[in-house]
Amino acid sequence: MALALAAASPSAGAADEQLEQRVRRLENVIDSGQLAELIQRVRALEQEMRELRGEIDRQGHRLDELRERQRNLYGDLDRRLRDLELAQSGGGGDEATDEEADPESGASAAEAAENAAEQTVTEGETSGDQSADEARSETEREAYDAAFDKLKEGRYEEAVQAFRDFLEAHPNSAYADNAQYWLGEAYYVTRDFDKALKAFRAVQSTYPDSAKVPDARLKMGYSLYELGRLDEAKETLQQVRAKHPESAASRLAEDRILTIEREREDTG
C-alpha cells in the first residue's frame, strides 16, 4: 500500500504543477489586460451587429417606400400623358346638319321624303359605327390599364406578357405607343437591357409621331450605357438633346452624358 502511494505521488505532483502553471498563465492574461480587451472587442462587435441589423431594417423600409413612389410615379405620369393626348385629339364634335326639302326649290314631296329616309339610314349607320368604335376603345383601354396596373404593382414578368399581348391584339390602338414604351420600361427595371433597347427602338420606328419618342430615345441611351456601349450611349443621348432640346428628357440626357465623360476621365 505504501509502495502504491509512493508511486502515485510523483504523478499527482506533476498534475498539480501543470494546473498551477495554467492558473499563472490565466492570471498573467488578466493582469496584462488582454482578457478585458478581448471582452471589449466582443462587445464592440455585438454593438456593430445590432447597428447593422438596424441599418438593414431601415434600408428595407426605404426600399419599400421607393417602390411605392415608383408605382405612384408610373401611374401619375401615364395618367397625365393620356389626359393630354385625349385633350389634343378631342377637338370639336361631329356636327349633324338636317337637309330639308325646300318647296320653292322645285323638289317634289316624294323627293323630300326619299332624301329624309336616306338621311335617317345614314345617321343610323353612323351611330352604329360610333357605338362599335366606343366599345372597341373601351376594350382596349381596359386591356391597357390591366397591363399597366401589373407594372405599377411590381409584377414585371406579368406586365411584360400583358403589354406584348396588348400590342399583338391592338397594334393600331391609340394606346399602342404607350404600351410599347412601358414594355421597354418593364424590361429595363428587371435589367434585361437588350430587350429594353429593342422595345424602346420600336417606339420611335413604329410610332415616330408619338409623345413617347423623346423618353424612348432617352431610355435607349440609358440601356446602351448599362450594356457598356458608351460611345453609342453618348451618341444617342446627344440626339435627344438635338431633337428634343426643350424636353425633360433632354436635361436627363445631359446629366448622363456628363456621367459618361467623368467615368472616362476616371479610367484614364
Protein backbone atom coordinates (compact mmCIF):
# COMPACT_ATOMS: atom_id res chain seq x y z
CA MET A 1 0.00 0.00 0.00
CA ALA A 2 2.79 2.37 0.89
CA LEU A 3 4.54 1.50 -2.34
CA ALA A 4 1.39 2.30 -4.37
CA LEU A 5 1.05 5.68 -2.72
CA ALA A 6 4.68 6.45 -3.33
CA ALA A 7 4.27 5.58 -7.00
CA ALA A 8 1.21 7.77 -7.39
CA SER A 9 2.74 10.72 -5.58
CA PRO A 10 5.01 11.95 -8.44
CA SER A 11 2.11 11.73 -10.92
CA ALA A 12 -0.16 13.78 -8.66
CA GLY A 13 2.57 16.32 -8.14
CA ALA A 14 3.07 16.74 -11.88
CA ALA A 15 -0.65 17.30 -12.37
CA ASP A 16 -0.71 19.91 -9.63
CA GLU A 17 2.22 21.67 -11.21
CA GLN A 18 0.54 21.76 -14.62
CA LEU A 19 -2.63 23.13 -13.07
CA GLU A 20 -0.65 25.77 -11.24
CA GLN A 21 1.08 26.79 -14.49
CA ARG A 22 -2.25 27.17 -16.27
CA VAL A 23 -3.58 29.30 -13.40
CA ARG A 24 -0.49 31.51 -13.55
CA ARG A 25 -0.88 31.96 -17.34
CA LEU A 26 -4.52 32.92 -16.88
CA GLU A 27 -3.55 35.37 -14.15
CA ASN A 28 -0.93 36.85 -16.45
CA VAL A 29 -3.54 37.32 -19.18
CA ILE A 30 -5.87 39.01 -16.75
CA ASP A 31 -3.11 41.19 -15.31
CA SER A 32 -1.97 42.25 -18.77
CA GLY A 33 -5.47 43.42 -19.71
CA GLN A 34 -5.71 41.08 -22.72
CA LEU A 35 -8.87 39.42 -21.43
CA ALA A 36 -10.52 42.75 -20.75
CA GLU A 37 -9.54 43.90 -24.23
CA LEU A 38 -10.97 40.72 -25.75
CA ILE A 39 -14.23 41.17 -23.87
CA GLN A 40 -14.39 44.78 -25.03
CA ARG A 41 -13.83 43.74 -28.66
CA VAL A 42 -16.60 41.14 -28.43
CA ARG A 43 -18.97 43.76 -27.03
CA ALA A 44 -18.00 46.19 -29.79
CA LEU A 45 -18.68 43.53 -32.43
CA GLU A 46 -22.06 42.81 -30.87
CA GLN A 47 -22.87 46.52 -30.99
CA GLU A 48 -21.83 46.72 -34.65
CA MET A 49 -24.05 43.74 -35.44
CA ARG A 50 -27.01 45.43 -33.77
CA GLU A 51 -26.35 48.62 -35.71
CA LEU A 52 -26.06 46.71 -38.98
CA ARG A 53 -29.34 44.93 -38.33
CA GLY A 54 -30.97 48.29 -37.69
CA GLU A 55 -29.48 49.72 -40.88
CA ILE A 56 -30.71 46.72 -42.88
CA ASP A 57 -34.21 47.25 -41.49
CA ARG A 58 -34.07 50.95 -42.37
CA GLN A 59 -32.83 50.24 -45.89
CA GLY A 60 -35.55 47.65 -46.37
CA HIS A 61 -38.17 50.17 -45.31
CA ARG A 62 -36.66 52.79 -47.59
CA LEU A 63 -36.68 50.34 -50.50
CA ASP A 64 -40.37 49.65 -49.92
CA GLU A 65 -41.03 53.40 -49.93
CA LEU A 66 -39.07 53.85 -53.16
CA ARG A 67 -41.03 51.05 -54.82
CA GLU A 68 -44.28 52.65 -53.75
CA ARG A 69 -43.13 56.04 -55.06
CA GLN A 70 -42.13 54.40 -58.35
CA ARG A 71 -45.56 52.82 -58.73
CA ASN A 72 -47.25 56.13 -57.96
CA LEU A 73 -44.96 57.94 -60.39
CA TYR A 74 -45.74 55.49 -63.18
CA GLY A 75 -49.45 55.90 -62.56
CA ASP A 76 -49.39 59.68 -62.34
CA LEU A 77 -47.17 60.11 -65.38
CA ASP A 78 -49.22 57.80 -67.55
CA ARG A 79 -52.48 59.39 -66.42
CA ARG A 80 -51.22 62.87 -67.29
CA LEU A 81 -49.98 61.79 -70.69
CA ARG A 82 -53.24 60.08 -71.51
CA ASP A 83 -55.25 63.13 -70.42
CA LEU A 84 -53.03 65.32 -72.60
CA GLU A 85 -53.39 63.02 -75.61
CA LEU A 86 -57.16 62.87 -75.20
CA ALA A 87 -57.34 66.67 -74.91
CA GLN A 88 -55.29 67.09 -78.08
CA SER A 89 -57.39 64.62 -80.05
CA GLY A 90 -60.76 65.73 -78.62
CA GLY A 91 -61.19 68.77 -80.89
CA GLY A 92 -64.69 69.61 -81.91
CA GLY A 93 -67.53 67.16 -82.01
CA ASP A 94 -69.30 65.90 -85.09
CA GLU A 95 -71.95 68.32 -86.27
CA ALA A 96 -75.04 66.92 -87.86
CA THR A 97 -76.98 69.06 -90.33
CA ASP A 98 -80.52 68.39 -91.38
CA GLU A 99 -81.25 68.94 -95.04
CA GLU A 100 -84.88 69.64 -95.63
CA ALA A 101 -86.56 69.91 -98.98
CA ASP A 102 -87.46 73.45 -99.93
CA PRO A 103 -90.89 73.62 -101.54
CA GLU A 104 -89.75 76.59 -103.57
CA SER A 105 -86.74 74.78 -104.97
CA GLY A 106 -88.80 72.70 -107.34
CA ALA A 107 -88.25 69.43 -105.44
CA SER A 108 -91.37 67.32 -105.10
CA ALA A 109 -92.75 65.98 -101.83
CA ALA A 110 -91.68 62.45 -102.90
CA GLU A 111 -88.08 63.56 -103.39
CA ALA A 112 -88.10 65.24 -99.99
CA ALA A 113 -89.39 62.06 -98.34
CA GLU A 114 -86.73 59.97 -100.10
CA ASN A 115 -83.96 62.30 -99.01
CA ALA A 116 -85.22 62.20 -95.44
CA ALA A 117 -85.28 58.40 -95.48
CA GLU A 118 -81.74 58.22 -96.84
CA GLN A 119 -80.56 60.65 -94.17
CA THR A 120 -82.18 58.54 -91.44
CA VAL A 121 -80.40 55.39 -92.70
CA THR A 122 -77.07 57.22 -92.89
CA GLU A 123 -77.45 58.58 -89.39
CA GLY A 124 -78.31 55.11 -88.13
CA GLU A 125 -75.21 53.63 -89.76
CA THR A 126 -73.05 56.43 -88.34
CA SER A 127 -74.47 55.91 -84.87
CA GLY A 128 -73.81 52.17 -85.14
CA ASP A 129 -70.22 52.78 -86.23
CA GLN A 130 -69.68 55.16 -83.35
CA SER A 131 -71.05 52.65 -80.86
CA ALA A 132 -68.74 49.96 -82.22
CA ASP A 133 -65.76 52.31 -82.05
CA GLU A 134 -66.58 53.28 -78.49
CA ALA A 135 -66.91 49.63 -77.44
CA ARG A 136 -63.59 48.77 -79.10
CA SER A 137 -61.90 51.75 -77.46
CA GLU A 138 -63.24 50.73 -74.06
CA THR A 139 -61.94 47.18 -74.52
CA GLU A 140 -58.52 48.49 -75.49
CA ARG A 141 -58.43 50.87 -72.54
CA GLU A 142 -59.32 48.11 -70.09
CA ALA A 143 -56.63 45.80 -71.50
CA TYR A 144 -54.05 48.59 -71.38
CA ASP A 145 -54.96 49.56 -67.81
CA ALA A 146 -54.72 45.93 -66.70
CA ALA A 147 -51.20 45.66 -68.12
CA PHE A 148 -50.18 48.99 -66.62
CA ASP A 149 -51.52 48.01 -63.19
CA LYS A 150 -49.25 44.96 -63.22
CA LEU A 151 -46.28 47.23 -63.90
CA LYS A 152 -47.23 49.59 -61.06
CA GLU A 153 -47.59 46.66 -58.67
CA GLY A 154 -44.08 45.42 -59.49
CA ARG A 155 -45.33 42.27 -61.25
CA TYR A 156 -42.87 42.86 -64.04
CA GLU A 157 -42.93 39.49 -65.80
CA GLU A 158 -46.72 39.58 -65.91
CA ALA A 159 -46.60 43.17 -67.13
CA VAL A 160 -44.24 42.21 -69.96
CA GLN A 161 -46.59 39.48 -71.13
CA ALA A 162 -49.66 41.71 -70.78
CA PHE A 163 -48.13 44.53 -72.84
CA ARG A 164 -46.97 42.06 -75.51
CA ASP A 165 -50.45 40.56 -75.67
CA PHE A 166 -51.96 44.04 -75.95
CA LEU A 167 -49.68 45.04 -78.83
CA GLU A 168 -50.44 41.82 -80.65
CA ALA A 169 -54.20 42.22 -80.21
CA HIS A 170 -54.38 46.01 -80.73
CA PRO A 171 -51.45 47.11 -82.93
CA ASN A 172 -53.32 50.21 -84.15
CA SER A 173 -54.75 51.26 -80.80
CA ALA A 174 -54.40 54.80 -79.52
CA TYR A 175 -52.62 53.21 -76.57
CA ALA A 176 -50.19 51.15 -78.66
CA ASP A 177 -47.27 53.60 -78.44
CA ASN A 178 -47.66 53.87 -74.67
CA ALA A 179 -47.84 50.09 -74.39
CA GLN A 180 -44.66 49.72 -76.44
CA TYR A 181 -42.85 52.24 -74.24
CA TRP A 182 -43.93 50.66 -70.95
CA LEU A 183 -42.95 47.25 -72.28
CA GLY A 184 -39.43 48.68 -72.57
CA GLU A 185 -39.66 50.05 -69.03
CA ALA A 186 -40.69 46.63 -67.70
CA TYR A 187 -37.62 45.09 -69.33
CA TYR A 188 -35.40 47.94 -68.12
CA VAL A 189 -36.42 47.73 -64.47
CA THR A 190 -35.65 43.99 -64.49
CA ARG A 191 -32.24 44.79 -66.02
CA ASP A 192 -32.94 42.97 -69.28
CA PHE A 193 -31.27 45.80 -71.17
CA ASP A 194 -31.02 44.07 -74.56
CA LYS A 195 -34.78 43.58 -74.73
CA ALA A 196 -35.39 47.03 -73.27
CA LEU A 197 -33.25 48.58 -76.01
CA LYS A 198 -35.20 46.72 -78.68
CA ALA A 199 -38.55 47.77 -77.18
CA PHE A 200 -37.57 51.45 -76.94
CA ARG A 201 -36.27 51.44 -80.50
CA ALA A 202 -39.63 50.13 -81.66
CA VAL A 203 -41.33 53.21 -80.19
CA GLN A 204 -39.51 55.63 -82.47
CA SER A 205 -39.56 53.35 -85.52
CA THR A 206 -43.21 52.26 -85.27
CA TYR A 207 -44.71 55.41 -83.72
CA PRO A 208 -42.46 58.27 -84.89
CA ASP A 209 -45.08 60.92 -84.04
CA SER A 210 -45.72 59.64 -80.52
CA ALA A 211 -45.21 61.86 -77.49
CA LYS A 212 -43.24 58.94 -76.05
CA VAL A 213 -40.40 59.24 -78.59
CA PRO A 214 -38.19 61.62 -76.53
CA ASP A 215 -38.41 59.37 -73.47
CA ALA A 216 -37.87 56.26 -75.59
CA ARG A 217 -34.70 57.77 -77.09
CA LEU A 218 -33.51 58.68 -73.61
CA LYS A 219 -34.05 55.15 -72.36
CA MET A 220 -32.26 53.79 -75.42
CA GLY A 221 -29.24 55.79 -74.27
CA TYR A 222 -29.64 54.52 -70.72
CA SER A 223 -29.87 50.91 -71.93
CA LEU A 224 -26.75 51.28 -74.06
CA TYR A 225 -24.96 52.78 -71.06
CA GLU A 226 -25.91 49.80 -68.88
CA LEU A 227 -24.70 47.45 -71.62
CA GLY A 228 -21.32 49.19 -71.56
CA ARG A 229 -21.70 50.54 -75.09
CA LEU A 230 -20.68 54.03 -74.02
CA ASP A 231 -19.94 55.52 -77.46
CA GLU A 232 -23.38 54.52 -78.74
CA ALA A 233 -24.99 55.67 -75.50
CA LYS A 234 -23.41 59.11 -75.73
CA GLU A 235 -24.36 59.48 -79.39
CA THR A 236 -27.97 58.51 -78.69
CA LEU A 237 -28.21 60.91 -75.75
CA GLN A 238 -26.79 63.70 -77.89
CA GLN A 239 -29.59 63.02 -80.38
CA VAL A 240 -32.10 63.51 -77.56
CA ARG A 241 -30.61 66.93 -76.83
CA ALA A 242 -30.54 67.88 -80.50
CA LYS A 243 -34.04 66.68 -81.44
CA HIS A 244 -35.88 67.46 -78.20
CA PRO A 245 -33.99 70.40 -76.67
CA GLU A 246 -36.86 71.72 -74.54
CA SER A 247 -37.92 68.38 -73.08
CA ALA A 248 -37.24 66.93 -69.64
CA ALA A 249 -35.59 64.03 -71.46
CA SER A 250 -33.01 66.46 -72.84
CA ARG A 251 -31.95 67.55 -69.36
CA LEU A 252 -31.68 63.96 -68.19
CA ALA A 253 -29.66 63.12 -71.30
CA GLU A 254 -27.23 65.92 -70.46
CA ASP A 255 -26.76 64.53 -66.95
CA ARG A 256 -25.97 61.05 -68.25
CA ILE A 257 -23.55 62.42 -70.87
CA LEU A 258 -21.65 64.16 -68.07
CA THR A 259 -21.59 60.89 -66.13
CA ILE A 260 -20.10 59.07 -69.12
CA GLU A 261 -17.44 61.74 -69.56
CA ARG A 262 -16.49 61.64 -65.86
CA GLU A 263 -16.20 57.87 -65.91
CA ARG A 264 -13.90 58.05 -68.90
CA GLU A 265 -11.71 60.62 -67.15
CA ASP A 266 -11.51 58.42 -64.04
CA THR A 267 -10.47 55.37 -66.05
CA GLY A 268 -7.90 57.45 -67.94
